[in-house]
Amino acid sequence: MDFEALTRWFLTSIPEVIVISAACCLLMVDLFIKKGSRDVIAYLSLATVIGAAAGTFALAGSSQQAYSGMFVVDGFATFFKMVVYLATILSILLSMSFIKVEAIEQGEYYVLLLFALGGMMIMASGADLLSIYLGLELMALSVYVLTGFMRRDRRSNEAAMKYVILGAVSTGILLYGISLVYGLTGTTRLVDIATALSHIDGGDTALVLALVFLISGFAFKVAAFPFHMWAPDVYEGAPTPITAFMSVGPKAAGFAVILRVFLDAFAGASEIWIVVIAVIAVLTLAIGSLVALVQTNIKRMLAYSSIAHAGYALLGLVAGGEDGIASVMLYVFIYAFMNMGIFGAVIVMRKGDFVGENIADYTGLSKVRPGFALLMLIFLFSLAGIPPTAGFIAKFYIFVALIQSGNVALAVIAALFSAIAAFFYIRVVMLMYMKEPTGGFDLNLTPAARIALGICGAGTVLIGIFPSWFLDMAQISVF
């Protein structure tokens, strides 16, 4: 291989090289940082993510392949990388005060976030089942450790253990599906799989099994029914900034992989998987929306909310075509703002001995902190899909894609569950605005937290008012 080709390959993956190399370097730098001064690692991590984003932006507008076609840089990958950059930046900002309050201020915390980011970036650019798997494992192993980072907290330990065990099972299922695909097609490259499938009988038992295993493995990563059982306990037990991070970043990377794998490599076998995905999407909506109604812990409620939102995004996959793909991309982008925002509000409530995880803790918030309550109201209305917030736009384009593809019944079902889901969001709003406070609210509103909440609030409002530019951005990024 000549020097020019090696240089081209390196430049194609320069954002990933920046993130992973910086993470390794920061491990060494942390050895020389005094305890209590680890904000330096946080700021260096932020600089790393911004540098990687600049590298990704510089590569935008071109379609390039590297590493024997296992890694691709195109508009689709760039879009999802920008989403995971956003999730990582917001998570770092929201973590800076939280890890001090919880006494878990360690430099490895930010390093693991960078490794998880590197894995998600590889997933977004993966054009081969093996490269996708490597990215997925790099992300998953990092998040497993972050989930149990509060070592003195029994809930955090329990969450990490459950996540590791169930994650290992899902990984085994996914690998078995990949092995079946390789046995059938003789390749793991997505482009070559699509070509090989044109010569395989759609009713082949091995192909059906391979698709079932792949769907199961990927469904776990986005917390879709019936592989959602880990999400409530893990979301509740993990440090809240990590809960916010895993609800957006890994989920976005998971949908990037699902869209590319099923609508690119397995488009020719859609008659097999599309019905399965449709059933999973509806059941995911049902479980997420109905079980959330009875939750009293806001992190568990948001966990079931996250499950329900995965169902909406899966419906965009069922719609298929450019409109369906663009609707999922826009949904994931909007979801990053509103979900990071609401979790950011929960994080800000954590100060001293006050945890702020019970829904009742928000009673009368508007009477004491009207500005903060208004911000929470915006995020909750957006999650419920109430106009003119961004959440309404996200659901609207999913419904449009479904109707245009002839799936009117699915659009109606999704709309009904959206109405049901609105209740548990509005329940929190009613407590904030319709009840008298039982005590004061001493918020942990540091400058970093204010910036993070400001970004989330601005994104949630602006996309709701001016959606066309963001929809056009998603449409031109479709692969």
Protein backbone atom coordinates (compact mmCIF):
# COMPACT_ATOMS: atom_id res chain seq x y z
CA MET A 1 0.00 0.00 0.00
CA ASP A 2 1.46 3.38 -1.00
CA PHE A 3 2.01 6.34 1.31
CA GLU A 4 -0.71 8.38 -0.39
CA ALA A 5 -3.35 5.74 0.34
CA LEU A 6 -2.27 5.49 3.97
CA THR A 7 -2.45 9.27 4.33
CA ARG A 8 -5.95 9.33 2.82
CA TRP A 9 -7.14 6.62 5.19
CA PHE A 10 -5.69 8.45 8.19
CA LEU A 11 -7.30 11.74 7.22
CA THR A 12 -10.65 10.04 6.67
CA SER A 13 -10.65 8.81 10.27
CA ILE A 14 -8.91 11.82 11.84
CA PRO A 15 -11.85 12.70 14.17
CA GLU A 16 -11.78 9.18 15.64
CA VAL A 17 -7.99 9.34 15.97
CA ILE A 18 -8.28 12.68 17.81
CA VAL A 19 -10.83 11.37 20.32
CA ILE A 20 -9.19 8.03 21.10
CA SER A 21 -5.63 9.42 21.19
CA ALA A 22 -6.71 12.28 23.45
CA ALA A 23 -8.47 9.82 25.78
CA CYS A 24 -5.26 7.80 26.12
CA CYS A 25 -3.21 10.95 26.73
CA LEU A 26 -5.64 12.28 29.34
CA LEU A 27 -5.23 9.06 31.30
CA MET A 28 -1.57 9.98 31.68
CA VAL A 29 -2.24 13.67 32.32
CA ASP A 30 -4.63 12.75 35.15
CA LEU A 31 -1.70 11.25 37.07
CA PHE A 32 -0.27 14.75 37.51
CA ILE A 33 -3.53 16.51 38.36
CA LYS A 34 -4.17 17.25 42.02
CA LYS A 35 -7.31 15.89 43.60
CA GLY A 36 -10.06 18.49 43.43
CA SER A 37 -8.64 20.08 40.26
CA ARG A 38 -10.03 17.66 37.74
CA ASP A 39 -12.01 20.35 35.98
CA VAL A 40 -8.82 20.58 33.89
CA ILE A 41 -9.56 17.11 32.50
CA ALA A 42 -13.14 18.19 31.81
CA TYR A 43 -12.02 21.26 29.87
CA LEU A 44 -9.45 19.24 27.91
CA SER A 45 -12.16 16.69 27.13
CA LEU A 46 -14.42 19.47 25.87
CA ALA A 47 -11.58 20.77 23.69
CA THR A 48 -11.08 17.25 22.33
CA VAL A 49 -14.74 16.88 21.36
CA ILE A 50 -14.77 20.33 19.74
CA GLY A 51 -11.58 19.46 17.84
CA ALA A 52 -13.09 16.19 16.61
CA ALA A 53 -16.25 18.04 15.57
CA ALA A 54 -14.12 20.50 13.59
CA GLY A 55 -12.41 17.57 11.88
CA THR A 56 -15.76 15.99 11.04
CA PHE A 57 -17.06 19.30 9.71
CA ALA A 58 -13.96 19.64 7.50
CA LEU A 59 -14.71 16.22 5.98
CA ALA A 60 -18.40 17.05 5.41
CA GLY A 61 -19.65 17.26 1.86
CA SER A 62 -17.61 14.33 0.59
CA SER A 63 -18.12 10.58 0.57
CA GLN A 64 -14.99 8.58 1.31
CA GLN A 65 -14.18 5.01 2.25
CA ALA A 66 -11.24 3.64 4.20
CA TYR A 67 -9.90 0.43 5.71
CA SER A 68 -10.98 -1.80 2.82
CA GLY A 69 -14.47 -0.37 2.77
CA MET A 70 -15.14 -1.05 6.48
CA PHE A 71 -15.28 2.65 7.34
CA VAL A 72 -17.18 5.32 5.44
CA VAL A 73 -17.47 9.08 5.80
CA ASP A 74 -20.64 10.50 4.27
CA GLY A 75 -23.40 12.93 5.16
CA PHE A 76 -25.27 10.28 7.12
CA ALA A 77 -22.29 9.48 9.36
CA THR A 78 -21.50 13.17 9.78
CA PHE A 79 -25.05 13.93 10.93
CA PHE A 80 -25.04 11.26 13.63
CA LYS A 81 -21.54 12.18 14.75
CA MET A 82 -22.74 15.72 15.34
CA VAL A 83 -25.56 14.34 17.51
CA VAL A 84 -23.17 12.28 19.66
CA TYR A 85 -20.76 15.24 19.91
CA LEU A 86 -23.65 17.31 21.24
CA ALA A 87 -24.60 14.60 23.77
CA THR A 88 -21.00 14.28 24.97
CA ILE A 89 -20.43 18.02 25.34
CA LEU A 90 -23.65 18.44 27.31
CA SER A 91 -22.82 15.43 29.49
CA ILE A 92 -19.40 16.84 30.35
CA LEU A 93 -20.88 20.23 31.23
CA LEU A 94 -23.58 18.67 33.41
CA SER A 95 -21.07 16.35 35.11
CA MET A 96 -18.64 18.98 36.33
CA SER A 97 -20.62 19.86 39.47
CA PHE A 98 -22.47 16.57 39.86
CA ILE A 99 -19.39 14.39 40.33
CA LYS A 100 -18.18 16.77 43.06
CA VAL A 101 -21.49 16.55 44.91
CA GLU A 102 -21.41 12.75 44.67
CA ALA A 103 -17.70 12.60 45.61
CA ILE A 104 -16.77 10.65 42.47
CA GLU A 105 -14.47 13.25 40.96
CA GLN A 106 -12.02 11.11 39.01
CA GLY A 107 -10.26 11.91 35.73
CA GLU A 108 -11.19 8.48 34.37
CA TYR A 109 -14.80 9.61 34.28
CA TYR A 110 -14.16 12.00 31.38
CA VAL A 111 -11.73 9.60 29.70
CA LEU A 112 -14.42 6.91 29.63
CA LEU A 113 -16.84 9.40 28.11
CA LEU A 114 -14.32 10.03 25.32
CA PHE A 115 -13.81 6.30 24.72
CA ALA A 116 -17.60 5.86 24.54
CA LEU A 117 -17.73 8.75 22.08
CA GLY A 118 -15.03 7.10 19.96
CA GLY A 119 -17.07 3.90 19.84
CA MET A 120 -20.21 5.76 18.77
CA MET A 121 -18.30 7.55 16.02
CA ILE A 122 -17.02 4.24 14.67
CA MET A 123 -20.57 2.88 14.75
CA ALA A 124 -21.87 5.86 12.76
CA SER A 125 -19.20 5.35 10.08
CA GLY A 126 -19.28 1.56 10.13
CA ALA A 127 -19.86 0.02 6.71
CA ASP A 128 -19.03 -3.51 7.83
CA LEU A 129 -20.66 -5.62 10.52
CA LEU A 130 -17.29 -6.21 12.18
CA SER A 131 -16.33 -2.53 12.38
CA ILE A 132 -19.82 -1.79 13.71
CA TYR A 133 -19.34 -4.47 16.36
CA LEU A 134 -15.95 -3.08 17.41
CA GLY A 135 -17.39 0.41 17.80
CA LEU A 136 -20.37 -0.93 19.69
CA GLU A 137 -18.18 -2.81 22.18
CA LEU A 138 -15.86 0.16 22.75
CA MET A 139 -18.93 2.25 23.55
CA ALA A 140 -20.64 -0.41 25.66
CA LEU A 141 -17.65 -1.32 27.83
CA SER A 142 -17.08 2.34 28.65
CA VAL A 143 -20.72 2.93 29.56
CA TYR A 144 -20.79 -0.22 31.73
CA VAL A 145 -18.02 1.25 33.90
CA LEU A 146 -19.61 4.71 33.98
CA THR A 147 -22.91 3.19 35.10
CA GLY A 148 -21.25 1.77 38.21
CA PHE A 149 -19.02 4.78 38.85
CA MET A 150 -20.72 5.58 42.17
CA ARG A 151 -19.03 2.63 43.87
CA ARG A 152 -20.53 3.34 47.31
CA ASP A 153 -24.08 3.41 45.95
CA ARG A 154 -25.84 0.05 45.94
CA ARG A 155 -28.20 1.12 43.14
CA SER A 156 -25.27 2.09 40.93
CA ASN A 157 -23.53 -1.26 41.55
CA GLU A 158 -26.73 -3.16 40.85
CA ALA A 159 -27.36 -1.18 37.67
CA ALA A 160 -23.86 -1.84 36.36
CA MET A 161 -24.09 -5.56 37.10
CA LYS A 162 -27.45 -5.92 35.36
CA TYR A 163 -26.24 -3.89 32.40
CA VAL A 164 -23.05 -5.96 32.02
CA ILE A 165 -24.84 -9.31 32.20
CA LEU A 166 -27.70 -8.41 29.87
CA GLY A 167 -25.32 -6.54 27.57
CA ALA A 168 -23.10 -9.62 27.30
CA VAL A 169 -26.12 -11.74 26.35
CA SER A 170 -27.21 -9.25 23.69
CA THR A 171 -23.66 -9.10 22.31
CA GLY A 172 -23.57 -12.88 22.01
CA ILE A 173 -26.89 -12.84 20.16
CA LEU A 174 -25.63 -10.13 17.81
CA LEU A 175 -22.38 -11.97 17.10
CA TYR A 176 -24.30 -15.14 16.30
CA GLY A 177 -26.42 -13.17 13.85
CA ILE A 178 -23.27 -11.74 12.23
CA SER A 179 -21.79 -15.24 11.92
CA LEU A 180 -24.95 -16.47 10.19
CA VAL A 181 -24.84 -13.54 7.78
CA TYR A 182 -21.21 -14.32 6.97
CA GLY A 183 -22.06 -17.99 6.45
CA LEU A 184 -24.84 -17.07 4.02
CA THR A 185 -23.12 -14.31 2.07
CA GLY A 186 -19.39 -14.90 2.58
CA THR A 187 -18.89 -11.26 3.62
CA THR A 188 -19.58 -8.79 6.41
CA ARG A 189 -19.43 -5.64 4.26
CA LEU A 190 -22.87 -4.06 4.03
CA VAL A 191 -22.62 -3.32 0.28
CA ASP A 192 -21.56 -6.88 -0.52
CA ILE A 193 -24.26 -8.33 1.73
CA ALA A 194 -26.91 -6.43 -0.27
CA THR A 195 -25.48 -7.88 -3.51
CA ALA A 196 -25.32 -11.43 -2.14
CA LEU A 197 -28.90 -11.33 -0.85
CA SER A 198 -30.20 -10.81 -4.38
CA HIS A 199 -29.19 -14.43 -5.04
CA ILE A 200 -30.64 -15.89 -1.83
CA ASP A 201 -34.21 -17.13 -1.37
CA GLY A 202 -36.09 -14.74 0.91
CA GLY A 203 -37.61 -17.71 2.76
CA ASP A 204 -34.22 -19.21 3.66
CA THR A 205 -34.39 -20.32 7.29
CA ALA A 206 -30.81 -19.26 7.99
CA LEU A 207 -31.53 -15.77 6.64
CA VAL A 208 -34.63 -15.46 8.83
CA LEU A 209 -32.65 -16.56 11.89
CA ALA A 210 -29.82 -14.15 11.06
CA LEU A 211 -32.26 -11.25 10.84
CA VAL A 212 -33.96 -12.23 14.09
CA PHE A 213 -30.62 -12.31 15.91
CA LEU A 214 -29.52 -8.99 14.42
CA ILE A 215 -32.82 -7.34 15.33
CA SER A 216 -32.55 -8.70 18.89
CA GLY A 217 -28.98 -7.48 19.33
CA PHE A 218 -29.67 -4.00 18.02
CA ALA A 219 -33.02 -3.71 19.82
CA PHE A 220 -31.21 -4.14 23.14
CA LYS A 221 -28.94 -1.20 22.35
CA VAL A 222 -31.90 1.16 21.79
CA ALA A 223 -34.00 -0.33 24.64
CA ALA A 224 -36.80 -1.59 22.39
CA PHE A 225 -39.34 -4.20 23.56
CA PRO A 226 -38.79 -6.97 24.62
CA PHE A 227 -35.13 -6.09 25.23
CA HIS A 228 -35.89 -2.99 27.29
CA MET A 229 -35.82 -4.63 30.72
CA TRP A 230 -32.40 -3.20 31.60
CA ALA A 231 -33.28 0.44 31.00
CA PRO A 232 -35.37 1.40 34.09
CA ASP A 233 -32.93 -0.02 36.66
CA VAL A 234 -29.83 1.20 34.82
CA TYR A 235 -31.25 4.69 34.26
CA GLU A 236 -32.22 4.95 37.94
CA GLY A 237 -28.95 3.61 39.35
CA ALA A 238 -26.39 5.27 37.09
CA PRO A 239 -25.02 8.76 37.83
CA THR A 240 -27.63 11.11 36.37
CA PRO A 241 -25.29 12.72 33.76
CA ILE A 242 -24.47 9.20 32.54
CA THR A 243 -28.17 8.39 32.43
CA ALA A 244 -28.65 11.46 30.25
CA PHE A 245 -25.69 10.48 28.10
CA MET A 246 -26.77 6.88 27.51
CA SER A 247 -30.34 7.96 26.78
CA VAL A 248 -29.10 10.06 23.84
CA GLY A 249 -25.60 9.14 22.62
CA PRO A 250 -25.68 5.32 22.45
CA LYS A 251 -29.30 5.44 21.31
CA ALA A 252 -28.40 7.77 18.42
CA ALA A 253 -25.47 5.56 17.44
CA GLY A 254 -27.73 2.52 17.65
CA PHE A 255 -30.25 4.04 15.26
CA ALA A 256 -27.45 5.06 12.89
CA VAL A 257 -26.43 1.40 12.71
CA ILE A 258 -30.00 0.10 12.46
CA LEU A 259 -30.83 2.43 9.56
CA ARG A 260 -27.65 1.62 7.65
CA VAL A 261 -27.83 -2.13 8.22
CA PHE A 262 -31.51 -2.74 7.49
CA LEU A 263 -32.19 -0.10 4.83
CA ASP A 264 -28.88 -0.62 3.05
CA ALA A 265 -27.56 -4.17 3.49
CA PHE A 266 -30.91 -5.91 4.10
CA ALA A 267 -33.24 -3.76 2.01
CA GLY A 268 -33.77 -6.76 -0.29
CA ALA A 269 -35.09 -8.81 2.62
CA SER A 270 -37.44 -6.14 3.97
CA GLU A 271 -40.46 -8.42 3.62
CA ILE A 272 -38.95 -10.49 6.45
CA TRP A 273 -37.91 -7.84 8.95
CA ILE A 274 -40.33 -4.97 8.37
CA VAL A 275 -43.29 -6.71 10.03
CA VAL A 276 -41.13 -7.73 12.99
CA ILE A 277 -39.87 -4.14 13.42
CA ALA A 278 -43.44 -2.79 13.16
CA VAL A 279 -44.66 -5.12 15.92
CA ILE A 280 -41.66 -4.30 18.12
CA ALA A 281 -42.23 -0.56 17.56
CA VAL A 282 -45.90 -0.71 18.61
CA LEU A 283 -45.18 -2.86 21.67
CA THR A 284 -42.30 -0.56 22.61
CA LEU A 285 -44.66 2.40 22.44
CA ALA A 286 -47.23 0.57 24.54
CA ILE A 287 -44.85 -0.57 27.28
CA GLY A 288 -43.01 2.74 27.48
CA SER A 289 -46.16 4.88 27.57
CA LEU A 290 -48.30 2.77 29.89
CA VAL A 291 -45.73 1.73 32.50
CA ALA A 292 -44.45 5.31 32.81
CA LEU A 293 -47.89 6.32 34.10
CA VAL A 294 -47.34 4.62 37.47
CA GLN A 295 -43.75 5.71 38.15
CA THR A 296 -42.93 7.92 41.12
CA ASN A 297 -39.18 8.22 40.47
CA ILE A 298 -38.52 10.75 37.71
CA LYS A 299 -35.48 8.88 36.37
CA ARG A 300 -37.51 5.68 36.01
CA MET A 301 -40.32 7.67 34.40
CA LEU A 302 -37.85 9.14 31.91
CA ALA A 303 -36.44 5.65 31.32
CA TYR A 304 -39.85 4.42 30.17
CA SER A 305 -40.24 7.66 28.24
CA SER A 306 -36.97 6.84 26.47
CA ILE A 307 -38.30 3.39 25.64
CA ALA A 308 -41.45 4.93 24.13
CA HIS A 309 -39.40 7.39 22.06
CA ALA A 310 -37.40 4.47 20.67
CA GLY A 311 -40.72 3.10 19.43
CA TYR A 312 -41.46 6.31 17.50
CA ALA A 313 -38.03 6.23 15.87
CA LEU A 314 -38.51 2.56 14.89
CA LEU A 315 -41.72 3.56 13.12
CA GLY A 316 -39.60 5.82 10.89
CA LEU A 317 -37.59 2.72 9.97
CA VAL A 318 -40.84 0.95 9.07
CA ALA A 319 -41.81 3.87 6.84
CA GLY A 320 -38.50 3.48 4.99
CA GLY A 321 -37.40 5.48 1.97
CA GLU A 322 -35.69 8.86 2.15
CA ASP A 323 -38.57 10.42 4.09
CA GLY A 324 -38.52 7.67 6.70
CA ILE A 325 -34.75 7.88 7.17
CA ALA A 326 -34.82 11.68 7.38
CA SER A 327 -37.65 11.57 9.93
CA VAL A 328 -35.64 9.25 12.20
CA MET A 329 -32.54 11.43 11.85
CA LEU A 330 -34.50 14.57 12.73
CA TYR A 331 -36.18 12.74 15.63
CA VAL A 332 -32.85 11.67 17.12
CA PHE A 333 -31.43 15.18 16.73
CA ILE A 334 -34.41 16.81 18.47
CA TYR A 335 -34.49 14.12 21.14
CA ALA A 336 -30.90 15.01 22.08
CA PHE A 337 -31.91 18.56 23.05
CA MET A 338 -35.09 17.84 24.95
CA ASN A 339 -33.95 14.72 26.78
CA MET A 340 -30.56 16.12 27.78
CA GLY A 341 -32.46 19.20 28.92
CA ILE A 342 -34.88 17.40 31.22
CA PHE A 343 -32.11 15.26 32.71
CA GLY A 344 -30.05 18.43 33.13
CA ALA A 345 -32.89 19.86 35.21
CA VAL A 346 -32.84 16.76 37.43
CA ILE A 347 -29.06 17.10 37.82
CA VAL A 348 -29.37 20.75 38.87
CA MET A 349 -31.80 19.74 41.62
CA ARG A 350 -29.09 17.58 43.21
CA LYS A 351 -27.41 19.63 45.92
CA GLY A 352 -26.32 18.76 49.44
CA ASP A 353 -28.57 16.06 50.88
CA PHE A 354 -31.37 16.82 48.41
CA VAL A 355 -31.52 14.33 45.52
CA GLY A 356 -34.57 15.48 43.55
CA GLU A 357 -35.37 12.10 41.99
CA ASN A 358 -38.94 11.77 43.24
CA ILE A 359 -41.61 13.41 41.14
CA ALA A 360 -43.11 14.86 44.34
CA ASP A 361 -39.88 16.79 44.89
CA TYR A 362 -40.95 19.21 42.14
CA THR A 363 -44.16 20.26 43.90
CA GLY A 364 -44.61 24.04 43.78
CA LEU A 365 -41.34 24.66 41.91
CA SER A 366 -42.85 27.49 39.84
CA LYS A 367 -43.68 29.49 42.98
CA VAL A 368 -40.04 29.56 44.09
CA ARG A 369 -38.07 29.19 40.84
CA PRO A 370 -40.36 30.42 38.02
CA GLY A 371 -37.63 30.63 35.36
CA PHE A 372 -36.33 27.15 36.03
CA ALA A 373 -39.88 25.76 36.14
CA LEU A 374 -40.60 27.37 32.76
CA LEU A 375 -37.52 25.69 31.29
CA MET A 376 -38.66 22.31 32.63
CA LEU A 377 -42.13 22.95 31.22
CA ILE A 378 -40.62 23.51 27.76
CA PHE A 379 -38.70 20.23 27.92
CA LEU A 380 -41.71 18.28 29.23
CA PHE A 381 -44.06 19.75 26.61
CA SER A 382 -41.51 18.89 23.93
CA LEU A 383 -41.25 15.28 25.13
CA ALA A 384 -45.05 15.13 25.06
CA GLY A 385 -45.08 16.45 21.49
CA ILE A 386 -47.02 19.64 22.22
CA PRO A 387 -46.58 22.49 19.68
CA PRO A 388 -44.74 24.75 19.10
CA THR A 389 -41.88 22.79 20.67
CA ALA A 390 -39.35 20.68 18.76
CA GLY A 391 -40.89 17.44 20.06
CA PHE A 392 -44.05 18.14 18.08
CA ILE A 393 -42.00 18.53 14.90
CA ALA A 394 -40.18 15.25 15.58
CA LYS A 395 -43.39 13.26 15.93
CA PHE A 396 -45.14 15.10 13.11
CA TYR A 397 -42.57 14.07 10.51
CA ILE A 398 -42.62 10.46 11.74
CA PHE A 399 -46.40 10.48 11.22
CA VAL A 400 -46.02 12.10 7.78
CA ALA A 401 -43.48 9.47 6.71
CA LEU A 402 -45.79 6.68 7.89
CA ILE A 403 -48.81 8.09 6.06
CA GLN A 404 -46.87 8.68 2.84
CA SER A 405 -45.64 5.07 2.94
CA GLY A 406 -49.19 3.78 3.38
CA ASN A 407 -48.89 2.86 7.07
CA VAL A 408 -51.87 4.95 8.19
CA ALA A 409 -52.89 2.49 10.92
CA LEU A 410 -49.44 2.70 12.52
CA ALA A 411 -49.64 6.51 12.44
CA VAL A 412 -52.99 6.42 14.23
CA ILE A 413 -51.67 4.00 16.88
CA ALA A 414 -48.62 6.19 17.45
CA ALA A 415 -50.81 9.28 17.82
CA LEU A 416 -52.98 7.52 20.42
CA PHE A 417 -49.98 6.50 22.48
CA SER A 418 -48.63 10.03 22.18
CA ALA A 419 -51.82 11.28 23.82
CA ILE A 420 -51.47 8.71 26.62
CA ALA A 421 -47.81 9.63 27.15
CA ALA A 422 -48.69 13.30 27.48
CA PHE A 423 -50.37 12.53 30.81
CA PHE A 424 -47.24 11.56 32.74
CA TYR A 425 -45.34 14.60 31.46
CA ILE A 426 -48.20 16.97 32.28
CA ARG A 427 -48.50 15.37 35.72
CA VAL A 428 -45.08 16.84 36.57
CA VAL A 429 -46.15 20.22 35.16
CA MET A 430 -49.28 20.19 37.32
CA LEU A 431 -47.22 19.52 40.44
CA MET A 432 -44.91 22.41 39.59
CA TYR A 433 -47.66 24.92 38.81
CA MET A 434 -50.83 23.80 40.61
CA LYS A 435 -49.48 22.91 44.05
CA GLU A 436 -47.92 24.93 46.83
CA PRO A 437 -44.26 24.26 47.64
CA THR A 438 -43.45 22.21 50.71
CA GLY A 439 -39.92 23.66 51.02
CA GLY A 440 -37.26 25.72 49.30
CA PHE A 441 -35.33 24.81 46.16
CA ASP A 442 -31.58 25.32 46.39
CA LEU A 443 -30.47 24.63 42.83
CA ASN A 444 -26.94 23.69 41.83
CA LEU A 445 -26.88 26.09 38.89
CA THR A 446 -23.19 26.35 38.07
CA PRO A 447 -22.01 28.26 34.96
CA ALA A 448 -21.41 24.96 33.13
CA ALA A 449 -24.93 23.74 33.97
CA ARG A 450 -26.41 27.06 32.84
CA ILE A 451 -24.64 26.75 29.48
CA ALA A 452 -25.86 23.18 29.01
CA LEU A 453 -29.46 24.03 29.91
CA GLY A 454 -29.31 27.14 27.72
CA ILE A 455 -28.17 25.08 24.71
CA CYS A 456 -30.92 22.51 25.30
CA GLY A 457 -33.61 25.13 25.79
CA ALA A 458 -32.59 27.11 22.72
CA GLY A 459 -32.49 23.98 20.56
CA THR A 460 -35.88 22.80 21.78
CA VAL A 461 -37.53 26.14 21.05
CA LEU A 462 -35.77 27.10 17.82
CA ILE A 463 -36.32 23.77 16.07
CA GLY A 464 -39.99 23.95 17.02
CA ILE A 465 -40.34 27.43 15.51
CA PHE A 466 -38.02 27.05 12.50
CA PRO A 467 -38.08 23.34 11.62
CA SER A 468 -37.50 23.56 7.85
CA TRP A 469 -33.75 24.21 8.02
CA PHE A 470 -33.16 21.26 10.32
CA LEU A 471 -35.38 18.97 8.23
CA ASP A 472 -33.46 19.99 5.09
CA MET A 473 -30.20 19.21 6.92
CA ALA A 474 -31.47 15.70 7.68
CA GLN A 475 -32.78 15.13 4.15
CA ILE A 476 -29.50 16.02 2.44
CA SER A 477 -27.66 13.68 4.85
CA VAL A 478 -29.66 10.57 3.90
CA PHE A 479 -27.40 7.84 2.53
